[in-house]
């Protein structure tokens, strides 16, 4: 799961702050998966969201964005905004209503869920700061009847040394997420290779060793990228 830093929320979420003592309330809200696989032939998909906090009620806002973080109108998320009681779970439903997507490869979007504790009117005069947490996970739009399995995709990656660095090519129809990536003994940030695409790890030289993340969010065994 990719987590954005704690942010002070405006707009739909109120901010109450005093100059003296500050109490920060956050946490308790979690999604039931670290990624979403949405089959293109399905009318909708769903994901559970739970509040593990023992006392706080949270306001939760949900939406889908593109790779640049811009909210898109191609999805309907139900409910888009709701409150969730302590120790409760809600099911979020996601429906794609956009234009037809490629049928020979995956398309990636990002599902976002932002939560902030609901404000108790009796405490508005006290010194407190409402802080939101935002979770962002990948949402893969996957065509049916692709010629290979997603679990076989990492083994198809190929690496090539270029003047700019190591180029990683992905001939499969699936996105492949690289974690614990090391090239020539140097650690690099996690990254993702697009289906039927490639990326270059700049200023890198040597053998690429990495792990990947499968459909269930589990990290796979370490492998070496073959040239």
Protein backbone atom coordinates (compact mmCIF):
# COMPACT_ATOMS: atom_id res chain seq x y z
CA UNK A 1 0.00 0.00 0.00
CA UNK A 2 1.42 3.51 -0.89
CA UNK A 3 0.85 6.02 2.06
CA UNK A 4 0.89 9.80 1.59
CA UNK A 5 2.12 11.87 4.53
CA UNK A 6 -0.29 13.12 7.15
CA UNK A 7 -1.96 16.24 5.90
CA UNK A 8 -4.06 19.00 7.46
CA UNK A 9 -7.39 18.80 5.71
CA UNK A 10 -9.55 21.66 4.43
CA UNK A 11 -12.77 21.75 2.45
CA UNK A 12 -15.09 18.95 3.53
CA UNK A 13 -13.02 18.24 6.61
CA UNK A 14 -12.92 20.88 9.35
CA UNK A 15 -9.75 22.09 10.96
CA UNK A 16 -9.77 23.32 14.52
CA UNK A 17 -6.49 24.58 15.94
CA UNK A 18 -5.41 26.64 18.94
CA UNK A 19 -2.05 28.19 19.65
CA UNK A 20 -1.33 26.20 22.82
CA UNK A 21 -1.56 22.44 23.41
CA UNK A 22 -2.24 20.34 20.30
CA UNK A 23 -3.75 16.84 20.27
CA UNK A 24 -3.41 14.86 17.02
CA UNK A 25 -6.00 12.22 16.12
CA UNK A 26 -5.24 9.83 13.29
CA UNK A 27 -5.20 6.16 12.41
CA UNK A 28 -7.78 3.43 12.88
CA UNK A 29 -8.94 3.34 9.25
CA UNK A 30 -7.61 0.63 6.94
CA UNK A 31 -8.46 -0.80 3.54
CA UNK A 32 -8.94 -4.55 3.15
CA UNK A 33 -6.33 -4.90 0.38
CA UNK A 34 -3.12 -3.29 -0.83
CA UNK A 35 -4.22 -3.33 -4.48
CA UNK A 36 -7.41 -3.78 -6.47
CA UNK A 37 -7.82 -6.01 -9.53
CA UNK A 38 -10.86 -4.93 -11.56
CA UNK A 39 -11.74 -7.32 -14.39
CA UNK A 40 -12.95 -5.39 -17.43
CA UNK A 41 -15.91 -7.70 -17.97
CA UNK A 42 -17.20 -7.02 -14.44
CA UNK A 43 -19.85 -4.38 -13.77
CA UNK A 44 -18.15 -3.42 -10.51
CA UNK A 45 -15.68 -4.47 -7.85
CA UNK A 46 -15.52 -3.84 -4.11
CA UNK A 47 -13.11 -3.41 -1.22
CA UNK A 48 -13.76 -3.43 2.54
CA UNK A 49 -12.81 -0.49 4.75
CA UNK A 50 -12.68 -0.87 8.54
CA UNK A 51 -12.37 1.35 11.60
CA UNK A 52 -10.34 -0.43 14.27
CA UNK A 53 -10.42 2.55 16.64
CA UNK A 54 -12.25 1.94 19.91
CA UNK A 55 -13.84 5.38 20.28
CA UNK A 56 -13.39 7.67 17.26
CA UNK A 57 -15.94 8.08 14.49
CA UNK A 58 -14.25 8.91 11.17
CA UNK A 59 -15.37 10.83 8.12
CA UNK A 60 -14.12 9.01 5.03
CA UNK A 61 -13.86 10.35 1.48
CA UNK A 62 -13.06 8.07 -1.49
CA UNK A 63 -12.14 8.72 -5.12
CA UNK A 64 -10.06 7.41 -8.03
CA UNK A 65 -7.16 9.30 -9.62
CA UNK A 66 -4.79 8.83 -12.54
CA UNK A 67 -1.04 8.27 -12.37
CA UNK A 68 -0.50 12.03 -11.91
CA UNK A 69 -2.78 12.17 -8.87
CA UNK A 70 -5.60 13.96 -10.73
CA UNK A 71 -9.12 12.87 -9.79
CA UNK A 72 -10.89 11.18 -12.71
CA UNK A 73 -14.59 10.94 -13.53
CA UNK A 74 -14.29 7.46 -15.08
CA UNK A 75 -15.32 5.78 -11.84
CA UNK A 76 -18.27 5.89 -9.49
CA UNK A 77 -17.33 5.06 -5.89
CA UNK A 78 -20.16 4.25 -3.50
CA UNK A 79 -20.32 5.73 -0.96
CA UNK A 80 -18.02 8.62 -1.91
CA UNK A 81 -18.29 10.23 1.56
CA UNK A 82 -19.55 8.65 4.77
CA UNK A 83 -18.96 8.31 8.49
CA UNK A 84 -17.90 5.03 10.06
CA UNK A 85 -18.41 4.10 13.70
CA UNK A 86 -15.74 2.52 15.95
CA UNK A 87 -15.08 -1.18 15.34
CA UNK A 88 -17.17 -1.20 12.17
CA UNK A 89 -16.61 -2.18 8.54
CA UNK A 90 -18.08 -0.80 5.34
CA UNK A 91 -17.95 -2.15 1.79
CA UNK A 92 -16.90 0.31 -0.90
CA UNK A 93 -18.15 -0.39 -4.42
CA UNK A 94 -16.26 0.81 -7.47
CA UNK A 95 -17.84 0.99 -10.93
CA UNK A 96 -16.06 1.94 -14.16
CA UNK A 97 -18.13 4.26 -16.36
CA UNK A 98 -15.41 5.65 -18.65
CA UNK A 99 -14.44 5.04 -22.24
CA UNK A 100 -13.35 1.54 -23.42
CA UNK A 101 -9.87 0.61 -22.22
CA UNK A 102 -7.18 -1.45 -24.01
CA UNK A 103 -8.04 -5.15 -24.13
CA UNK A 104 -4.48 -6.43 -24.71
CA UNK A 105 -2.92 -5.07 -21.50
CA UNK A 106 -3.70 -3.66 -18.07
CA UNK A 107 -4.45 -0.02 -17.35
CA UNK A 108 -3.60 1.42 -13.94
CA UNK A 109 -5.47 3.95 -11.81
CA UNK A 110 -5.20 4.78 -8.11
CA UNK A 111 -7.86 4.37 -5.43
CA UNK A 112 -7.72 7.00 -2.68
CA UNK A 113 -9.30 6.97 0.76
CA UNK A 114 -8.96 9.94 3.13
CA UNK A 115 -10.13 9.77 6.76
CA UNK A 116 -10.34 12.26 9.61
CA UNK A 117 -11.94 11.88 13.06
CA UNK A 118 -15.40 13.44 13.25
CA UNK A 119 -15.53 16.61 15.34
CA UNK A 120 -17.31 16.46 18.68
CA UNK A 121 -19.13 19.79 19.02
CA UNK A 122 -18.59 19.67 22.80
CA UNK A 123 -14.84 19.77 22.22
CA UNK A 124 -14.70 22.56 19.66
CA UNK A 125 -13.50 25.01 22.29
CA UNK A 126 -10.63 22.78 23.38
CA UNK A 127 -7.16 22.91 21.91
CA UNK A 128 -7.00 20.29 19.19
CA UNK A 129 -5.81 19.69 15.66
CA UNK A 130 -7.74 17.45 13.26
CA UNK A 131 -5.28 15.48 11.13
CA UNK A 132 -6.28 13.28 8.20
CA UNK A 133 -4.66 10.12 6.91
CA UNK A 134 -4.79 9.25 3.23
CA UNK A 135 -4.21 5.81 1.75
CA UNK A 136 -3.57 5.33 -1.96
CA UNK A 137 -3.45 1.90 -3.59
CA UNK A 138 -3.13 0.77 -7.18
CA UNK A 139 -6.29 -0.12 -9.11
CA UNK A 140 -5.52 -2.37 -12.08
CA UNK A 141 -8.08 -2.60 -14.88
CA UNK A 142 -7.40 -6.08 -16.23
CA UNK A 143 -8.82 -7.45 -19.49
CA UNK A 144 -10.08 -10.99 -19.46
CA UNK A 145 -8.49 -13.76 -21.55
CA UNK A 146 -4.98 -12.35 -21.59
CA UNK A 147 -2.53 -14.84 -23.15
CA UNK A 148 -0.46 -15.36 -19.99
CA UNK A 149 -0.82 -15.35 -16.20
CA UNK A 150 0.04 -12.37 -14.01
CA UNK A 151 2.17 -14.60 -11.79
CA UNK A 152 4.41 -15.41 -14.77
CA UNK A 153 4.97 -11.76 -15.73
CA UNK A 154 8.03 -11.07 -13.50
CA UNK A 155 9.98 -13.89 -15.11
CA UNK A 156 9.58 -12.30 -18.53
CA UNK A 157 11.42 -9.10 -17.59
CA UNK A 158 14.63 -8.43 -19.46
CA UNK A 159 17.47 -6.02 -18.62
CA UNK A 160 19.92 -4.21 -20.87
CA UNK A 161 22.82 -1.94 -20.04
CA UNK A 162 22.57 1.43 -21.81
CA UNK A 163 24.56 4.64 -21.64
CA UNK A 164 21.89 6.08 -19.33
CA UNK A 165 21.62 3.10 -16.97
CA UNK A 166 19.93 -0.29 -16.82
CA UNK A 167 16.82 -0.56 -19.00
CA UNK A 168 14.15 -2.98 -17.74
CA UNK A 169 11.73 -4.21 -20.43
CA UNK A 170 8.38 -5.87 -19.75
CA UNK A 171 6.90 -7.79 -22.71
CA UNK A 172 3.95 -9.07 -20.65
CA UNK A 173 0.43 -7.52 -20.60
CA UNK A 174 0.69 -6.87 -16.83
CA UNK A 175 2.19 -4.12 -14.68
CA UNK A 176 5.14 -5.44 -12.67
CA UNK A 177 6.07 -3.71 -9.41
CA UNK A 178 9.74 -3.96 -8.44
CA UNK A 179 10.62 -3.83 -4.73
CA UNK A 180 13.92 -4.30 -2.90
CA UNK A 181 15.59 -3.38 -6.18
CA UNK A 182 19.38 -3.57 -6.17
CA UNK A 183 21.65 -3.00 -9.17
CA UNK A 184 25.35 -3.58 -8.83
CA UNK A 185 24.86 -3.81 -5.07
CA UNK A 186 23.18 -0.38 -4.83
CA UNK A 187 19.64 -0.04 -3.45
CA UNK A 188 17.05 1.80 -5.57
CA UNK A 189 13.51 3.00 -4.90
CA UNK A 190 10.55 0.77 -5.65
CA UNK A 191 9.20 1.26 -9.16
CA UNK A 192 6.75 -0.22 -11.65
CA UNK A 193 7.25 -1.34 -15.26
CA UNK A 194 4.29 -0.82 -17.58
CA UNK A 195 2.96 -3.69 -19.72
CA UNK A 196 4.67 -3.96 -23.11
CA UNK A 197 6.87 -1.09 -21.98
CA UNK A 198 10.23 -0.34 -20.39
CA UNK A 199 11.94 2.00 -17.99
CA UNK A 200 15.52 2.97 -17.33
CA UNK A 201 17.07 3.07 -13.88
CA UNK A 202 19.37 6.09 -14.32
CA UNK A 203 23.04 6.03 -13.40
CA UNK A 204 22.93 2.31 -12.64
CA UNK A 205 25.28 -0.42 -13.77
CA UNK A 206 25.42 -4.12 -13.03
CA UNK A 207 23.07 -7.02 -12.40
CA UNK A 208 19.52 -6.18 -11.30
CA UNK A 209 18.17 -8.16 -8.34
CA UNK A 210 14.64 -7.55 -7.08
CA UNK A 211 11.37 -8.89 -5.74
CA UNK A 212 7.87 -8.18 -7.02
CA UNK A 213 4.37 -7.84 -5.55
CA UNK A 214 1.67 -10.31 -6.64
CA UNK A 215 -2.10 -9.84 -7.01
CA UNK A 216 -2.61 -10.43 -3.30
CA UNK A 217 -0.07 -7.86 -2.16
CA UNK A 218 2.50 -10.48 -1.14
CA UNK A 219 6.19 -10.02 -1.95
CA UNK A 220 7.58 -12.74 -4.20
CA UNK A 221 10.93 -14.50 -4.08
CA UNK A 222 14.02 -12.62 -5.11
CA UNK A 223 14.99 -12.92 -8.76
CA UNK A 224 17.67 -11.69 -11.12
CA UNK A 225 16.81 -9.83 -14.29
CA UNK A 226 18.19 -11.62 -17.34
CA UNK A 227 19.76 -9.65 -20.16
